[in-house]
Amino acid sequence: MDENIKLVIVDREGTAHDLEAPTEMNFNLMEIMRAAELPVEGTCGGMALCASCHCYINTDHELNEPSDDEEDMLDQAFFVESNSRLSCQIPITKNIDGLKVTLAPVSE
C-alpha cells in the first residue's frame, strides 16, 4: 500500500516548495529534497558526517532525537538555531506529514 506524505521546503530565497514523499521506501528528508533538485548537497551521503543538509524545522512535529553524531556536526555548522537539524537524519514516516522546513544559509 503506497502512502505519501506532504512536505513544505522553503529554499534559501524564501520560495516554498510543496513536495510529496513515499513513506515505504526508507528515504530521509535530504534524499527527498535532492530528488526535487533543491540546493542540498548531502556531501557525506546521509551519514551525519557533514552539515551540508542543515535545515530549520518550522513545525512542532515529534521528530527522533538528534544522535550524538548529528549534534557534533551541528556544533561545527554555521547559522545554527534551536530548531536546526540535519535533514539526512530525519526519516520519511507518516509522523512527519505536513512538516515544514527551511534550508539553512550556506557559509559565505
C-alpha atoms as a PDB file:
ATOM      1  CA  MET A   1       0.000   0.000   0.000  1.00  0.00           C
ATOM      2  CA  ASP A   2       1.626   3.211  -1.163  1.00  0.00           C
ATOM      3  CA  GLU A   3       1.377   6.110   1.210  1.00  0.00           C
ATOM      4  CA  ASN A   4       2.794   9.530   0.510  1.00  0.00           C
ATOM      5  CA  ILE A   5       3.152  12.419   2.895  1.00  0.00           C
ATOM      6  CA  LYS A   6       3.263  16.104   2.114  1.00  0.00           C
ATOM      7  CA  LEU A   7       6.229  18.327   2.980  1.00  0.00           C
ATOM      8  CA  VAL A   8       6.914  22.035   2.545  1.00  0.00           C
ATOM      9  CA  ILE A   9      10.514  23.053   1.915  1.00  0.00           C
ATOM     10  CA  VAL A  10      11.429  26.747   1.902  1.00  0.00           C
ATOM     11  CA  ASP A  11      14.569  27.377  -0.134  1.00  0.00           C
ATOM     12  CA  ARG A  12      17.234  29.972   0.630  1.00  0.00           C
ATOM     13  CA  GLU A  13      15.427  32.588  -1.474  1.00  0.00           C
ATOM     14  CA  GLY A  14      12.224  32.157   0.541  1.00  0.00           C
ATOM     15  CA  THR A  15      10.274  30.174  -2.055  1.00  0.00           C
ATOM     16  CA  ALA A  16       8.109  27.370  -0.651  1.00  0.00           C
ATOM     17  CA  HIS A  17       8.142  24.026  -2.470  1.00  0.00           C
ATOM     18  CA  ASP A  18       5.308  21.561  -1.852  1.00  0.00           C
ATOM     19  CA  LEU A  19       6.656  18.024  -2.093  1.00  0.00           C
ATOM     20  CA  GLU A  20       5.235  14.546  -1.731  1.00  0.00           C
ATOM     21  CA  ALA A  21       7.340  11.745  -0.331  1.00  0.00           C
ATOM     22  CA  PRO A  22       6.743   7.993  -0.120  1.00  0.00           C
ATOM     23  CA  THR A  23       6.854   6.524   3.379  1.00  0.00           C
ATOM     24  CA  GLU A  24       7.534   2.928   2.349  1.00  0.00           C
ATOM     25  CA  MET A  25      10.981   3.395   0.766  1.00  0.00           C
ATOM     26  CA  ASN A  26      13.207   4.269   3.769  1.00  0.00           C
ATOM     27  CA  PHE A  27      14.132   7.690   2.405  1.00  0.00           C
ATOM     28  CA  ASN A  28      15.266  10.570   4.559  1.00  0.00           C
ATOM     29  CA  LEU A  29      14.398  14.241   4.154  1.00  0.00           C
ATOM     30  CA  MET A  30      17.712  15.093   2.477  1.00  0.00           C
ATOM     31  CA  GLU A  31      17.125  12.474  -0.233  1.00  0.00           C
ATOM     32  CA  ILE A  32      13.649  13.853  -0.960  1.00  0.00           C
ATOM     33  CA  MET A  33      14.992  17.397  -1.244  1.00  0.00           C
ATOM     34  CA  ARG A  34      17.811  16.281  -3.547  1.00  0.00           C
ATOM     35  CA  ALA A  35      15.349  14.357  -5.726  1.00  0.00           C
ATOM     36  CA  ALA A  36      13.340  17.592  -6.049  1.00  0.00           C
ATOM     37  CA  GLU A  37      16.572  19.307  -7.178  1.00  0.00           C
ATOM     38  CA  LEU A  38      16.659  21.661  -4.211  1.00  0.00           C
ATOM     39  CA  PRO A  39      20.129  23.007  -3.323  1.00  0.00           C
ATOM     40  CA  VAL A  40      21.048  20.452  -0.669  1.00  0.00           C
ATOM     41  CA  GLU A  41      24.483  18.945  -1.068  1.00  0.00           C
ATOM     42  CA  GLY A  42      24.420  15.925   1.194  1.00  0.00           C
ATOM     43  CA  THR A  43      28.173  15.620   0.759  1.00  0.00           C
ATOM     44  CA  CYS A  44      28.557  12.686   3.161  1.00  0.00           C
ATOM     45  CA  GLY A  45      25.650  10.749   1.657  1.00  0.00           C
ATOM     46  CA  GLY A  46      23.461  10.925   4.738  1.00  0.00           C
ATOM     47  CA  MET A  47      25.874   9.644   7.372  1.00  0.00           C
ATOM     48  CA  ALA A  48      25.785  12.770   9.638  1.00  0.00           C
ATOM     49  CA  LEU A  49      29.449  13.380   8.797  1.00  0.00           C
ATOM     50  CA  CYS A  50      28.972  16.882   7.406  1.00  0.00           C
ATOM     51  CA  ALA A  51      26.407  19.635   7.786  1.00  0.00           C
ATOM     52  CA  SER A  52      25.674  20.326   4.121  1.00  0.00           C
ATOM     53  CA  CYS A  53      22.000  19.341   4.591  1.00  0.00           C
ATOM     54  CA  HIS A  54      21.423  21.654   7.569  1.00  0.00           C
ATOM     55  CA  CYS A  55      17.845  22.912   7.822  1.00  0.00           C
ATOM     56  CA  TYR A  56      15.452  24.545  10.277  1.00  0.00           C
ATOM     57  CA  ILE A  57      12.316  22.748  11.458  1.00  0.00           C
ATOM     58  CA  ASN A  58       9.367  25.162  11.301  1.00  0.00           C
ATOM     59  CA  THR A  59       6.598  22.960  12.664  1.00  0.00           C
ATOM     60  CA  ASP A  60       6.119  21.215  16.001  1.00  0.00           C
ATOM     61  CA  HIS A  61       6.275  17.635  14.724  1.00  0.00           C
ATOM     62  CA  GLU A  62       7.627  14.976  17.067  1.00  0.00           C
ATOM     63  CA  LEU A  63      10.964  14.053  15.500  1.00  0.00           C
ATOM     64  CA  ASN A  64      13.524  11.495  16.560  1.00  0.00           C
ATOM     65  CA  GLU A  65      16.097  12.956  18.952  1.00  0.00           C
ATOM     66  CA  PRO A  66      19.365  14.086  17.344  1.00  0.00           C
ATOM     67  CA  SER A  67      22.132  11.498  17.675  1.00  0.00           C
ATOM     68  CA  ASP A  68      25.494  12.408  19.190  1.00  0.00           C
ATOM     69  CA  ASP A  69      26.958  12.431  15.659  1.00  0.00           C
ATOM     70  CA  GLU A  70      24.284  14.854  14.459  1.00  0.00           C
ATOM     71  CA  GLU A  71      24.824  17.145  17.449  1.00  0.00           C
ATOM     72  CA  ASP A  72      28.583  17.072  16.840  1.00  0.00           C
ATOM     73  CA  MET A  73      28.080  18.145  13.220  1.00  0.00           C
ATOM     74  CA  LEU A  74      25.646  20.894  14.182  1.00  0.00           C
ATOM     75  CA  ASP A  75      28.229  22.172  16.671  1.00  0.00           C
ATOM     76  CA  GLN A  76      30.509  22.783  13.693  1.00  0.00           C
ATOM     77  CA  ALA A  77      27.855  24.196  11.334  1.00  0.00           C
ATOM     78  CA  PHE A  78      27.197  27.833  10.508  1.00  0.00           C
ATOM     79  CA  PHE A  79      23.958  29.643  11.414  1.00  0.00           C
ATOM     80  CA  VAL A  80      22.777  27.031  13.948  1.00  0.00           C
ATOM     81  CA  GLU A  81      19.480  27.798  15.702  1.00  0.00           C
ATOM     82  CA  SER A  82      17.484  25.934  18.349  1.00  0.00           C
ATOM     83  CA  ASN A  83      15.409  24.291  15.586  1.00  0.00           C
ATOM     84  CA  SER A  84      18.418  23.201  13.495  1.00  0.00           C
ATOM     85  CA  ARG A  85      18.621  19.625  12.245  1.00  0.00           C
ATOM     86  CA  LEU A  86      20.485  17.656   9.606  1.00  0.00           C
ATOM     87  CA  SER A  87      17.866  16.649   7.056  1.00  0.00           C
ATOM     88  CA  CYS A  88      19.683  13.356   6.404  1.00  0.00           C
ATOM     89  CA  GLN A  89      18.777  12.302   9.943  1.00  0.00           C
ATOM     90  CA  ILE A  90      15.017  12.766   9.536  1.00  0.00           C
ATOM     91  CA  PRO A  91      13.386   9.613   8.175  1.00  0.00           C
ATOM     92  CA  ILE A  92      10.324   9.935   5.966  1.00  0.00           C
ATOM     93  CA  THR A  93       7.492   8.490   8.055  1.00  0.00           C
ATOM     94  CA  LYS A  94       3.760   9.128   8.403  1.00  0.00           C
ATOM     95  CA  ASN A  95       4.532  11.055  11.610  1.00  0.00           C
ATOM     96  CA  ILE A  96       6.088  13.962   9.684  1.00  0.00           C
ATOM     97  CA  ASP A  97       3.192  14.524   7.278  1.00  0.00           C
ATOM     98  CA  GLY A  98       2.902  18.304   6.847  1.00  0.00           C
ATOM     99  CA  LEU A  99       6.448  19.018   8.057  1.00  0.00           C
ATOM    100  CA  LYS A 100       7.772  22.434   7.018  1.00  0.00           C
ATOM    101  CA  VAL A 101      11.497  23.147   6.917  1.00  0.00           C
ATOM    102  CA  THR A 102      13.720  25.960   5.694  1.00  0.00           C
ATOM    103  CA  LEU A 103      17.137  25.351   4.177  1.00  0.00           C
ATOM    104  CA  ALA A 104      19.856  26.924   6.308  1.00  0.00           C
ATOM    105  CA  PRO A 105      22.102  29.515   4.695  1.00  0.00           C
ATOM    106  CA  VAL A 106      25.489  28.344   3.499  1.00  0.00           C
ATOM    107  CA  SER A 107      28.714  29.940   4.666  1.00  0.00           C
ATOM    108  CA  GLU A 108      29.867  32.940   2.683  1.00  0.00           C
END
